[in-house]
Amino acid sequence: MNIEEENYQLDYDEEKQFIIIEGSLRLNGLNEYQPIHDVLAQALNSADSMTVDLSKLEFLNSSGIAMFSKFMIEARGKAEVNIKFMGAKAIPWHTKSFTNLQRLFPKLQVEII
């Protein structure tokens, strides 16, 4: 499954349960983030592990952070699922935001490369 918009792209490999989001997410409100949330929820409900690679997502606004926070809260209801977020040291928001997401879902595995 793919979502391609002007400023970002999402690729979801259902077989590998691997999601890549790259570009810049400056969408307005949770409603505009719903298609991305739906892909994350589908992956969460489809397997016992999933990886979300954000290492090429250069910008995420507060609505995007809220969407990922909502997703982490939903993931707590699926305690058996292992979730890994990948980020990049070169992108400052990754470290801080991933740490905050771990507070919402302590099992979240984080890899910053």
C-alpha atoms as a PDB file:
ATOM      1  CA  MET A   1       0.000   0.000   0.000  1.00  0.00           C
ATOM      2  CA  ASN A   2       1.301   3.429  -0.915  1.00  0.00           C
ATOM      3  CA  ILE A   3       0.254   6.995  -0.236  1.00  0.00           C
ATOM      4  CA  GLU A   4       1.944   9.627  -2.374  1.00  0.00           C
ATOM      5  CA  GLU A   5       1.253  13.283  -1.776  1.00  0.00           C
ATOM      6  CA  GLU A   6       3.099  16.441  -2.735  1.00  0.00           C
ATOM      7  CA  ASN A   7       5.236  16.642   0.420  1.00  0.00           C
ATOM      8  CA  TYR A   8       5.378  13.085   1.703  1.00  0.00           C
ATOM      9  CA  GLN A   9       5.237   9.445   0.772  1.00  0.00           C
ATOM     10  CA  LEU A  10       4.195   6.384   2.769  1.00  0.00           C
ATOM     11  CA  ASP A  11       5.062   2.843   1.678  1.00  0.00           C
ATOM     12  CA  TYR A  12       3.617  -0.117   3.571  1.00  0.00           C
ATOM     13  CA  ASP A  13       4.991  -3.599   2.908  1.00  0.00           C
ATOM     14  CA  GLU A  14       2.253  -5.758   4.416  1.00  0.00           C
ATOM     15  CA  GLU A  15       4.272  -8.959   4.124  1.00  0.00           C
ATOM     16  CA  LYS A  16       7.192  -7.560   6.123  1.00  0.00           C
ATOM     17  CA  GLN A  17       5.018  -5.287   8.314  1.00  0.00           C
ATOM     18  CA  PHE A  18       7.375  -2.445   7.409  1.00  0.00           C
ATOM     19  CA  ILE A  19       6.193   1.148   6.951  1.00  0.00           C
ATOM     20  CA  ILE A  20       8.380   3.918   5.543  1.00  0.00           C
ATOM     21  CA  ILE A  21       7.264   7.533   5.767  1.00  0.00           C
ATOM     22  CA  GLU A  22       9.473  10.162   4.205  1.00  0.00           C
ATOM     23  CA  GLY A  23       9.332  13.825   3.293  1.00  0.00           C
ATOM     24  CA  SER A  24       7.594  16.482   5.340  1.00  0.00           C
ATOM     25  CA  LEU A  25       4.264  16.108   7.152  1.00  0.00           C
ATOM     26  CA  ARG A  26       2.515  19.440   7.611  1.00  0.00           C
ATOM     27  CA  LEU A  27      -1.087  18.271   7.466  1.00  0.00           C
ATOM     28  CA  ASN A  28      -3.864  20.171   9.260  1.00  0.00           C
ATOM     29  CA  GLY A  29      -5.432  18.305  12.153  1.00  0.00           C
ATOM     30  CA  LEU A  30      -6.035  14.675  12.947  1.00  0.00           C
ATOM     31  CA  ASN A  31      -8.611  14.333  10.150  1.00  0.00           C
ATOM     32  CA  GLU A  32      -5.967  14.944   7.486  1.00  0.00           C
ATOM     33  CA  TYR A  33      -3.675  12.430   9.217  1.00  0.00           C
ATOM     34  CA  GLN A  34      -6.401   9.756   9.206  1.00  0.00           C
ATOM     35  CA  PRO A  35      -5.104   7.874   6.116  1.00  0.00           C
ATOM     36  CA  ILE A  36      -1.670   7.529   7.753  1.00  0.00           C
ATOM     37  CA  HIS A  37      -3.250   6.491  11.046  1.00  0.00           C
ATOM     38  CA  ASP A  38      -5.350   3.903   9.196  1.00  0.00           C
ATOM     39  CA  VAL A  39      -2.223   2.290   7.721  1.00  0.00           C
ATOM     40  CA  LEU A  40      -0.561   2.195  11.150  1.00  0.00           C
ATOM     41  CA  ALA A  41      -3.704   0.679  12.701  1.00  0.00           C
ATOM     42  CA  GLN A  42      -3.928  -1.915   9.939  1.00  0.00           C
ATOM     43  CA  ALA A  43      -0.339  -2.976  10.596  1.00  0.00           C
ATOM     44  CA  LEU A  44      -0.954  -3.029  14.349  1.00  0.00           C
ATOM     45  CA  ASN A  45      -3.932  -5.332  13.908  1.00  0.00           C
ATOM     46  CA  SER A  46      -2.286  -7.597  11.322  1.00  0.00           C
ATOM     47  CA  ALA A  47       0.849  -8.955  12.968  1.00  0.00           C
ATOM     48  CA  ASP A  48       2.800  -9.425  16.166  1.00  0.00           C
ATOM     49  CA  SER A  49       5.522  -6.965  15.132  1.00  0.00           C
ATOM     50  CA  MET A  50       5.905  -3.934  12.918  1.00  0.00           C
ATOM     51  CA  THR A  51       8.581  -1.409  12.013  1.00  0.00           C
ATOM     52  CA  VAL A  52       8.002   2.241  11.173  1.00  0.00           C
ATOM     53  CA  ASP A  53      10.966   3.875   9.440  1.00  0.00           C
ATOM     54  CA  LEU A  54      10.853   7.649   9.855  1.00  0.00           C
ATOM     55  CA  SER A  55      14.562   8.187   9.195  1.00  0.00           C
ATOM     56  CA  LYS A  56      13.759  10.261   6.097  1.00  0.00           C
ATOM     57  CA  LEU A  57      10.816  12.155   7.603  1.00  0.00           C
ATOM     58  CA  GLU A  58      12.384  15.563   7.968  1.00  0.00           C
ATOM     59  CA  PHE A  59       9.464  17.434   9.519  1.00  0.00           C
ATOM     60  CA  LEU A  60       6.415  16.490  11.577  1.00  0.00           C
ATOM     61  CA  ASN A  61       4.048  19.126  12.927  1.00  0.00           C
ATOM     62  CA  SER A  62       2.134  19.000  16.197  1.00  0.00           C
ATOM     63  CA  SER A  63      -0.898  17.350  14.559  1.00  0.00           C
ATOM     64  CA  GLY A  64       1.381  14.574  13.328  1.00  0.00           C
ATOM     65  CA  ILE A  65       2.864  14.123  16.783  1.00  0.00           C
ATOM     66  CA  ALA A  66      -0.685  13.950  18.150  1.00  0.00           C
ATOM     67  CA  MET A  67      -1.540  11.262  15.576  1.00  0.00           C
ATOM     68  CA  PHE A  68       1.489   9.157  16.556  1.00  0.00           C
ATOM     69  CA  SER A  69       0.643   9.690  20.246  1.00  0.00           C
ATOM     70  CA  LYS A  70      -2.913   8.481  19.632  1.00  0.00           C
ATOM     71  CA  PHE A  71      -1.496   5.444  17.842  1.00  0.00           C
ATOM     72  CA  MET A  72       0.812   4.639  20.791  1.00  0.00           C
ATOM     73  CA  ILE A  73      -2.136   4.812  23.199  1.00  0.00           C
ATOM     74  CA  GLU A  74      -4.061   2.408  20.946  1.00  0.00           C
ATOM     75  CA  ALA A  75      -1.016   0.106  20.829  1.00  0.00           C
ATOM     76  CA  ARG A  76      -1.149  -0.308  24.610  1.00  0.00           C
ATOM     77  CA  GLY A  77      -4.283  -2.372  24.043  1.00  0.00           C
ATOM     78  CA  LYS A  78      -2.198  -4.739  21.912  1.00  0.00           C
ATOM     79  CA  ALA A  79       0.562  -5.422  24.440  1.00  0.00           C
ATOM     80  CA  GLU A  80       1.666  -8.523  22.517  1.00  0.00           C
ATOM     81  CA  VAL A  81       2.671  -6.458  19.467  1.00  0.00           C
ATOM     82  CA  ASN A  82       6.270  -5.309  19.136  1.00  0.00           C
ATOM     83  CA  ILE A  83       6.668  -1.908  17.516  1.00  0.00           C
ATOM     84  CA  LYS A  84       9.942  -0.402  16.364  1.00  0.00           C
ATOM     85  CA  PHE A  85      10.454   3.191  15.230  1.00  0.00           C
ATOM     86  CA  MET A  86      13.570   4.064  13.250  1.00  0.00           C
ATOM     87  CA  GLY A  87      14.916   7.595  13.066  1.00  0.00           C
ATOM     88  CA  ALA A  88      17.998   9.601  12.165  1.00  0.00           C
ATOM     89  CA  LYS A  89      20.418  11.453  14.440  1.00  0.00           C
ATOM     90  CA  ALA A  90      20.580  14.223  11.852  1.00  0.00           C
ATOM     91  CA  ILE A  91      16.879  15.038  12.379  1.00  0.00           C
ATOM     92  CA  PRO A  92      16.539  16.656  15.816  1.00  0.00           C
ATOM     93  CA  TRP A  93      12.848  16.006  16.451  1.00  0.00           C
ATOM     94  CA  HIS A  94      13.298  12.220  16.252  1.00  0.00           C
ATOM     95  CA  THR A  95      15.104  11.720  19.561  1.00  0.00           C
ATOM     96  CA  LYS A  96      12.797  13.931  21.624  1.00  0.00           C
ATOM     97  CA  SER A  97       9.549  12.776  20.043  1.00  0.00           C
ATOM     98  CA  PHE A  98      10.445   9.082  20.121  1.00  0.00           C
ATOM     99  CA  THR A  99      11.285   9.392  23.829  1.00  0.00           C
ATOM    100  CA  ASN A 100       7.867  10.939  24.448  1.00  0.00           C
ATOM    101  CA  LEU A 101       6.191   8.152  22.454  1.00  0.00           C
ATOM    102  CA  GLN A 102       8.008   5.580  24.605  1.00  0.00           C
ATOM    103  CA  ARG A 103       6.368   7.160  27.641  1.00  0.00           C
ATOM    104  CA  LEU A 104       2.996   6.363  26.086  1.00  0.00           C
ATOM    105  CA  PHE A 105       4.016   2.865  24.969  1.00  0.00           C
ATOM    106  CA  PRO A 106       6.991   1.670  27.037  1.00  0.00           C
ATOM    107  CA  LYS A 107       7.531  -1.377  24.810  1.00  0.00           C
ATOM    108  CA  LEU A 108       8.308   0.861  21.832  1.00  0.00           C
ATOM    109  CA  GLN A 109      11.713  -0.014  20.454  1.00  0.00           C
ATOM    110  CA  VAL A 110      13.660   2.929  19.070  1.00  0.00           C
ATOM    111  CA  GLU A 111      16.619   2.823  16.698  1.00  0.00           C
ATOM    112  CA  ILE A 112      18.298   6.126  15.866  1.00  0.00           C
ATOM    113  CA  ILE A 113      20.962   5.780  13.159  1.00  0.00           C
END
